[in-house]
Structure formats: C-alpha cells, structure tokens
Protein backbone atom coordinates (compact mmCIF):
# COMPACT_ATOMS: atom_id res chain seq x y z
CA MET A 1 -44.83 -3.68 56.08
CA ARG A 2 -45.30 -4.56 52.41
CA ILE A 3 -47.22 -7.73 51.51
CA GLU A 4 -48.69 -9.23 48.34
CA LEU A 5 -52.37 -10.01 47.99
CA MET A 6 -53.24 -12.81 45.59
CA ASP A 7 -56.01 -12.24 43.06
CA ILE A 8 -57.92 -15.53 42.87
CA ASP A 9 -58.70 -14.98 39.17
CA ARG A 10 -55.23 -13.72 38.18
CA LEU A 11 -52.68 -15.69 40.16
CA ASP A 12 -49.83 -14.17 38.16
CA GLU A 13 -50.91 -10.60 39.06
CA PRO A 14 -50.54 -10.10 42.84
CA LEU A 15 -51.19 -6.67 44.33
CA ALA A 16 -48.42 -5.25 46.53
CA VAL A 17 -49.85 -3.26 49.45
CA ASP A 18 -48.66 -1.72 52.70
CA VAL A 19 -50.25 -2.98 55.91
CA GLU A 20 -51.95 -0.17 57.81
CA ASP A 21 -53.49 -2.26 60.58
CA LEU A 22 -53.67 -5.98 61.35
CA GLY A 23 -56.38 -7.21 63.70
CA ASP A 24 -57.55 -10.67 64.61
CA LEU A 25 -60.30 -10.67 61.97
CA ASP A 26 -59.48 -7.69 59.72
CA LEU A 27 -56.53 -6.44 57.71
CA SER A 28 -56.42 -2.81 56.54
CA VAL A 29 -54.08 -2.09 53.64
CA ILE A 30 -53.00 0.85 51.47
CA ALA A 31 -52.00 0.65 47.81
CA PRO A 32 -48.55 2.30 47.57
CA ASN A 33 -48.31 5.77 46.03
CA THR A 34 -52.11 6.17 46.03
CA SER A 35 -54.86 7.15 48.44
CA VAL A 36 -56.58 3.76 47.97
CA ARG A 37 -57.34 1.93 51.22
CA PHE A 38 -59.40 -1.18 51.78
CA THR A 39 -59.99 -3.86 54.36
CA LEU A 40 -59.91 -7.63 54.07
CA TYR A 41 -61.75 -9.83 56.56
CA ARG A 42 -61.60 -13.41 57.77
CA ARG A 43 -64.19 -15.58 59.50
CA ASP A 44 -61.91 -16.91 62.24
CA ARG A 45 -58.33 -16.61 63.47
CA GLU A 46 -57.26 -19.67 61.49
CA GLY A 47 -58.51 -18.54 58.07
CA ARG A 48 -57.18 -16.34 55.34
CA PHE A 49 -58.15 -12.71 54.79
CA GLU A 50 -60.46 -12.02 51.84
CA GLY A 51 -61.73 -8.85 50.19
CA ALA A 52 -62.62 -7.14 46.92
CA LEU A 53 -61.45 -3.95 45.23
CA GLY A 54 -62.50 -2.71 41.81
CA GLY A 55 -63.90 -6.00 40.59
CA ARG A 56 -60.89 -8.01 41.74
CA TYR A 57 -61.07 -10.47 44.64
CA PHE A 58 -57.98 -10.79 46.82
CA VAL A 59 -56.86 -13.23 49.49
CA PHE A 60 -54.00 -13.13 51.97
CA ASP A 61 -52.71 -15.99 54.10
CA PRO A 62 -51.23 -14.58 57.34
CA ALA A 63 -48.82 -17.53 57.48
CA SER A 64 -46.94 -15.78 54.66
CA LEU A 65 -46.14 -12.78 56.91
CA SER A 66 -42.73 -14.25 57.62
CA LYS A 67 -41.92 -13.64 53.93
CA ALA A 68 -43.11 -9.99 53.92
CA LYS A 69 -40.72 -7.20 52.95
CA PRO A 70 -40.61 -3.86 54.78
CA ALA A 71 -42.16 -0.94 52.88
CA PRO A 72 -39.56 1.28 51.18
CA GLU A 73 -38.93 4.49 53.10
CA GLY A 74 -41.17 7.32 51.90
CA LYS A 75 -43.23 5.01 49.67
CA THR A 76 -46.39 4.67 51.77
CA ALA A 77 -49.72 6.00 50.58
CA LYS A 78 -50.64 9.57 51.36
CA ARG A 79 -53.67 10.19 53.53
CA GLY A 80 -56.38 12.08 51.71
CA TRP A 81 -60.10 12.55 51.26
CA ALA A 82 -60.37 9.59 48.87
CA ALA A 83 -59.15 7.23 51.56
CA ARG A 84 -62.12 7.82 53.86
C-alpha cells in the first residue's frame, strides 16, 4: 500500500512510501524504486507515527489510511544489502 508521509518542516513536500509492515506501535516503510527502508514509531495506539530519515522528520496519521492508494504493480523497493 502506498502512503504519504508529511515532513513537518516542508508540508508541501510529502514523501510517498510503500508500507512494508504496520504494527500497533511501529510502521515500516520502503521508499519506492530504492533500497531505503525505515521505521516510524508512536507512543500509543491513538497517536501518529513519527520518524526521521536523512535530516527530515516525518509524521503519519493512521486515520488517513482510508485515503491510501495501492502501490503500482512492480514498483516496490528491491531488497538489498543497503536495506538491512
């Protein structure tokens, strides 16, 4: 599933990612067409997910999942050594 993470410092520059795994308190995502993976965390089941990547700080509100678009076929990130 493809979602958009909001950058709190650049609201007009969301990051589109594919969801790899969604847990109660963690959200693992993959940047499309790359081997970049990272995890966002939340303090409780009611909160939003938060995490940083490359100096940018992203948030994701799970309530917006109903607006998510499916990932295009064949457009998910490749698994590789850099993803570990």
